[in-house]
Amino acid sequence: MKFSDLKFNDFLDGVSTRVTFGDYDLSVVRHSGSYGGSKGLYEIGVFKGDDMVELAGITAEGDTIKGWLTEKDVTKIMDKMDKLQISLHLARPVRWRGW
């Protein structure tokens, strides 16, 4: 998925969208209150259900958002989220049914 594939909706005085990757949603926003929004840059947040969460490799430890992102940066994050979704799916435990 590329940045150009995102479908934004009006949000506050800017735009917002959400993309689902397995158990996680990636929120992408740009508005006057977002980190970098006044410079035309984007901010992302990661959700699991209704909760914002930190996600290793996507957000910094102890943080649930990341700002000051270019369109290229957002595309790279979506690529990581897609790869993470695949690895988490493959890593799920399998119930052993015996011999």
N, C-alpha and C. Protein backbone atom coordinates (compact mmCIF):
# COMPACT_ATOMS: atom_id res chain seq x y z
N MET A 1 0.84 -1.17 0.00
CA MET A 1 0.00 0.00 0.00
C MET A 1 0.89 1.24 0.00
N LYS A 2 0.49 2.21 -0.79
CA LYS A 2 1.23 3.48 -0.88
C LYS A 2 0.38 4.62 -0.32
N PHE A 3 1.03 5.71 -0.04
CA PHE A 3 0.33 6.88 0.48
C PHE A 3 -0.81 7.28 -0.45
N SER A 4 -0.58 7.20 -1.74
CA SER A 4 -1.60 7.62 -2.72
C SER A 4 -2.85 6.74 -2.67
N ASP A 5 -2.77 5.56 -2.02
CA ASP A 5 -3.93 4.68 -1.88
C ASP A 5 -4.85 5.10 -0.75
N LEU A 6 -4.37 5.97 0.14
CA LEU A 6 -5.17 6.38 1.29
C LEU A 6 -6.34 7.25 0.86
N LYS A 7 -7.47 7.06 1.53
CA LYS A 7 -8.69 7.86 1.29
C LYS A 7 -8.92 8.70 2.55
N PHE A 8 -8.65 10.00 2.44
CA PHE A 8 -8.77 10.90 3.58
C PHE A 8 -10.17 11.48 3.69
N ASN A 9 -10.55 11.76 4.94
CA ASN A 9 -11.79 12.46 5.26
C ASN A 9 -11.44 13.78 5.92
N ASP A 10 -12.33 14.76 5.80
CA ASP A 10 -12.13 16.02 6.50
C ASP A 10 -12.12 15.75 8.00
N PHE A 11 -11.19 16.38 8.69
CA PHE A 11 -11.06 16.22 10.14
C PHE A 11 -10.51 17.50 10.73
N LEU A 12 -11.25 18.08 11.68
CA LEU A 12 -10.90 19.38 12.24
C LEU A 12 -10.62 20.34 11.09
N ASP A 13 -9.43 20.95 11.04
CA ASP A 13 -9.12 21.85 9.92
C ASP A 13 -8.15 21.18 8.95
N GLY A 14 -8.20 19.84 8.89
CA GLY A 14 -7.29 19.09 8.02
C GLY A 14 -7.93 17.80 7.54
N VAL A 15 -7.15 16.73 7.59
CA VAL A 15 -7.62 15.43 7.08
C VAL A 15 -7.23 14.29 8.02
N SER A 16 -7.93 13.16 7.85
CA SER A 16 -7.68 11.99 8.68
C SER A 16 -8.09 10.73 7.91
N THR A 17 -7.40 9.63 8.20
CA THR A 17 -7.79 8.32 7.68
C THR A 17 -7.31 7.26 8.65
N ARG A 18 -7.87 6.07 8.49
CA ARG A 18 -7.46 4.92 9.29
C ARG A 18 -7.33 3.70 8.39
N VAL A 19 -6.27 2.93 8.60
CA VAL A 19 -6.03 1.73 7.81
C VAL A 19 -5.83 0.57 8.78
N THR A 20 -6.47 -0.56 8.51
CA THR A 20 -6.38 -1.72 9.38
C THR A 20 -5.29 -2.68 8.89
N PHE A 21 -4.46 -3.09 9.85
CA PHE A 21 -3.42 -4.09 9.61
C PHE A 21 -3.59 -5.16 10.68
N GLY A 22 -4.34 -6.20 10.39
CA GLY A 22 -4.58 -7.26 11.37
C GLY A 22 -5.31 -6.73 12.58
N ASP A 23 -4.70 -6.86 13.76
CA ASP A 23 -5.31 -6.41 15.01
C ASP A 23 -5.10 -4.93 15.28
N TYR A 24 -4.36 -4.25 14.42
CA TYR A 24 -4.01 -2.84 14.64
C TYR A 24 -4.60 -1.93 13.57
N ASP A 25 -4.89 -0.70 13.98
CA ASP A 25 -5.29 0.35 13.04
C ASP A 25 -4.21 1.42 13.06
N LEU A 26 -3.87 1.91 11.89
CA LEU A 26 -2.95 3.02 11.77
C LEU A 26 -3.76 4.26 11.42
N SER A 27 -3.70 5.26 12.28
CA SER A 27 -4.37 6.53 12.06
C SER A 27 -3.36 7.50 11.46
N VAL A 28 -3.75 8.17 10.39
CA VAL A 28 -2.89 9.17 9.74
C VAL A 28 -3.67 10.48 9.71
N VAL A 29 -3.11 11.52 10.31
CA VAL A 29 -3.78 12.82 10.36
C VAL A 29 -2.84 13.94 9.95
N ARG A 30 -3.45 15.03 9.53
CA ARG A 30 -2.74 16.29 9.31
C ARG A 30 -3.73 17.40 9.58
N HIS A 31 -3.44 18.21 10.59
CA HIS A 31 -4.25 19.39 10.91
C HIS A 31 -3.39 20.34 11.74
N SER A 32 -3.92 21.47 12.08
CA SER A 32 -3.10 22.49 12.75
C SER A 32 -2.59 22.05 14.11
N GLY A 33 -3.23 21.07 14.75
CA GLY A 33 -2.79 20.60 16.06
C GLY A 33 -1.93 19.34 16.02
N SER A 34 -1.72 18.78 14.84
CA SER A 34 -0.91 17.57 14.75
C SER A 34 0.56 17.95 14.60
N TYR A 35 1.43 17.04 15.03
CA TYR A 35 2.86 17.29 14.94
C TYR A 35 3.28 17.37 13.48
N GLY A 36 3.65 18.57 13.04
CA GLY A 36 4.06 18.81 11.66
C GLY A 36 2.94 19.27 10.75
N GLY A 37 1.72 19.27 11.24
CA GLY A 37 0.57 19.63 10.41
C GLY A 37 0.65 21.01 9.79
N SER A 38 1.16 21.97 10.55
CA SER A 38 1.27 23.33 10.02
C SER A 38 2.33 23.44 8.92
N LYS A 39 3.17 22.42 8.81
CA LYS A 39 4.21 22.38 7.76
C LYS A 39 3.80 21.45 6.62
N GLY A 40 2.55 20.95 6.66
CA GLY A 40 2.08 20.05 5.61
C GLY A 40 2.51 18.61 5.81
N LEU A 41 3.00 18.30 7.03
CA LEU A 41 3.47 16.95 7.33
C LEU A 41 2.40 16.19 8.12
N TYR A 42 2.61 14.90 8.29
CA TYR A 42 1.60 14.02 8.87
C TYR A 42 2.03 13.47 10.22
N GLU A 43 1.03 13.03 10.99
CA GLU A 43 1.23 12.38 12.28
C GLU A 43 0.50 11.05 12.23
N ILE A 44 1.11 10.02 12.79
CA ILE A 44 0.45 8.71 12.86
C ILE A 44 0.24 8.32 14.32
N GLY A 45 -0.76 7.49 14.53
CA GLY A 45 -1.02 6.87 15.82
C GLY A 45 -1.43 5.43 15.56
N VAL A 46 -1.12 4.56 16.50
CA VAL A 46 -1.46 3.15 16.36
C VAL A 46 -2.53 2.80 17.39
N PHE A 47 -3.57 2.13 16.94
CA PHE A 47 -4.67 1.70 17.80
C PHE A 47 -4.79 0.19 17.80
N LYS A 48 -5.13 -0.34 18.95
CA LYS A 48 -5.56 -1.74 19.05
C LYS A 48 -6.92 -1.67 19.72
N GLY A 49 -7.95 -1.93 18.93
CA GLY A 49 -9.31 -1.68 19.42
C GLY A 49 -9.50 -0.18 19.57
N ASP A 50 -9.98 0.23 20.75
CA ASP A 50 -10.19 1.66 21.01
C ASP A 50 -9.01 2.32 21.70
N ASP A 51 -7.96 1.54 21.97
CA ASP A 51 -6.82 2.05 22.73
C ASP A 51 -5.65 2.41 21.82
N MET A 52 -5.06 3.59 22.07
CA MET A 52 -3.81 3.93 21.41
C MET A 52 -2.70 3.15 22.09
N VAL A 53 -1.82 2.57 21.28
CA VAL A 53 -0.75 1.73 21.82
C VAL A 53 0.58 2.10 21.17
N GLU A 54 1.65 1.80 21.88
CA GLU A 54 2.97 1.89 21.25
C GLU A 54 3.20 0.57 20.53
N LEU A 55 3.92 0.63 19.45
CA LEU A 55 4.19 -0.57 18.67
C LEU A 55 5.64 -0.52 18.22
N ALA A 56 6.44 -1.44 18.73
CA ALA A 56 7.88 -1.47 18.43
C ALA A 56 8.12 -1.44 16.93
N GLY A 57 9.03 -0.59 16.51
CA GLY A 57 9.36 -0.44 15.10
C GLY A 57 8.50 0.59 14.39
N ILE A 58 7.41 0.99 15.04
CA ILE A 58 6.51 1.99 14.45
C ILE A 58 6.55 3.28 15.27
N THR A 59 6.33 3.17 16.57
CA THR A 59 6.41 4.33 17.47
C THR A 59 7.56 4.12 18.44
N ALA A 60 8.01 5.20 19.03
CA ALA A 60 9.10 5.11 20.01
C ALA A 60 8.58 4.50 21.30
N GLU A 61 9.47 3.87 22.05
CA GLU A 61 9.09 3.28 23.32
C GLU A 61 8.48 4.36 24.22
N GLY A 62 7.33 4.06 24.78
CA GLY A 62 6.65 5.01 25.66
C GLY A 62 5.81 6.03 24.93
N ASP A 63 5.70 5.93 23.62
CA ASP A 63 4.94 6.90 22.83
C ASP A 63 3.95 6.16 21.93
N THR A 64 2.80 6.78 21.70
CA THR A 64 1.78 6.16 20.86
C THR A 64 1.60 6.88 19.53
N ILE A 65 2.30 7.98 19.34
CA ILE A 65 2.20 8.73 18.09
C ILE A 65 3.59 9.07 17.56
N LYS A 66 3.61 9.41 16.29
CA LYS A 66 4.86 9.84 15.65
C LYS A 66 4.48 10.92 14.65
N GLY A 67 5.15 12.04 14.73
CA GLY A 67 4.81 13.17 13.87
C GLY A 67 5.93 13.57 12.94
N TRP A 68 5.67 14.69 12.25
CA TRP A 68 6.63 15.28 11.32
C TRP A 68 6.99 14.33 10.18
N LEU A 69 5.99 13.61 9.66
CA LEU A 69 6.21 12.58 8.64
C LEU A 69 5.84 13.05 7.25
N THR A 70 6.68 12.73 6.28
CA THR A 70 6.37 13.00 4.88
C THR A 70 5.47 11.87 4.35
N GLU A 71 4.96 12.04 3.14
CA GLU A 71 4.16 10.99 2.51
C GLU A 71 5.00 9.72 2.36
N LYS A 72 6.27 9.88 2.03
CA LYS A 72 7.17 8.74 1.89
C LYS A 72 7.36 8.03 3.23
N ASP A 73 7.48 8.80 4.32
CA ASP A 73 7.61 8.22 5.66
C ASP A 73 6.37 7.39 6.01
N VAL A 74 5.20 7.92 5.70
CA VAL A 74 3.95 7.20 6.00
C VAL A 74 3.89 5.91 5.19
N THR A 75 4.31 5.95 3.94
CA THR A 75 4.33 4.73 3.12
C THR A 75 5.25 3.68 3.74
N LYS A 76 6.41 4.10 4.23
CA LYS A 76 7.35 3.17 4.86
C LYS A 76 6.73 2.55 6.11
N ILE A 77 6.02 3.35 6.89
CA ILE A 77 5.37 2.85 8.10
C ILE A 77 4.28 1.84 7.73
N MET A 78 3.50 2.14 6.69
CA MET A 78 2.47 1.19 6.27
C MET A 78 3.10 -0.12 5.81
N ASP A 79 4.24 -0.05 5.16
CA ASP A 79 4.94 -1.26 4.72
C ASP A 79 5.38 -2.08 5.94
N LYS A 80 5.91 -1.39 6.97
CA LYS A 80 6.30 -2.08 8.20
C LYS A 80 5.09 -2.72 8.88
N MET A 81 3.97 -1.98 8.92
CA MET A 81 2.76 -2.51 9.54
C MET A 81 2.28 -3.75 8.79
N ASP A 82 2.36 -3.73 7.48
CA ASP A 82 1.95 -4.87 6.68
C ASP A 82 2.84 -6.08 6.97
N LYS A 83 4.14 -5.86 7.03
CA LYS A 83 5.07 -6.95 7.34
C LYS A 83 4.87 -7.46 8.76
N LEU A 84 4.60 -6.55 9.70
CA LEU A 84 4.35 -6.93 11.08
C LEU A 84 3.09 -7.79 11.17
N GLN A 85 2.07 -7.41 10.44
CA GLN A 85 0.81 -8.17 10.42
C GLN A 85 1.08 -9.60 9.96
N ILE A 86 1.87 -9.76 8.92
CA ILE A 86 2.19 -11.09 8.40
C ILE A 86 2.99 -11.89 9.42
N SER A 87 4.00 -11.27 10.04
CA SER A 87 4.83 -12.01 10.99
C SER A 87 4.03 -12.36 12.24
N LEU A 88 3.13 -11.48 12.71
CA LEU A 88 2.30 -11.80 13.86
C LEU A 88 1.34 -12.94 13.53
N HIS A 89 0.81 -12.93 12.33
CA HIS A 89 -0.09 -13.99 11.92
C HIS A 89 0.65 -15.33 11.88
N LEU A 90 1.84 -15.33 11.35
CA LEU A 90 2.63 -16.56 11.26
C LEU A 90 3.10 -17.03 12.63
N ALA A 91 3.25 -16.10 13.57
CA ALA A 91 3.77 -16.45 14.88
C ALA A 91 2.68 -16.90 15.85
N ARG A 92 1.42 -16.84 15.46
CA ARG A 92 0.35 -17.25 16.36
C ARG A 92 0.50 -18.72 16.71
N PRO A 93 0.26 -19.05 17.98
CA PRO A 93 0.41 -20.45 18.39
C PRO A 93 -0.63 -21.34 17.70
N VAL A 94 -0.21 -22.54 17.45
CA VAL A 94 -1.10 -23.53 16.85
C VAL A 94 -1.47 -24.53 17.93
N ARG A 95 -2.74 -24.84 18.02
CA ARG A 95 -3.18 -25.81 19.02
C ARG A 95 -2.73 -27.21 18.59
N TRP A 96 -2.00 -27.85 19.49
CA TRP A 96 -1.55 -29.20 19.20
C TRP A 96 -2.69 -30.15 19.51
N ARG A 97 -3.01 -31.01 18.59
CA ARG A 97 -4.15 -31.92 18.76
C ARG A 97 -3.71 -33.34 19.11
N GLY A 98 -2.45 -33.51 19.33
CA GLY A 98 -1.97 -34.85 19.70
C GLY A 98 -1.74 -35.72 18.48
N TRP A 99 -1.26 -36.91 18.73
CA TRP A 99 -0.95 -37.83 17.63
C TRP A 99 -2.15 -38.60 17.25
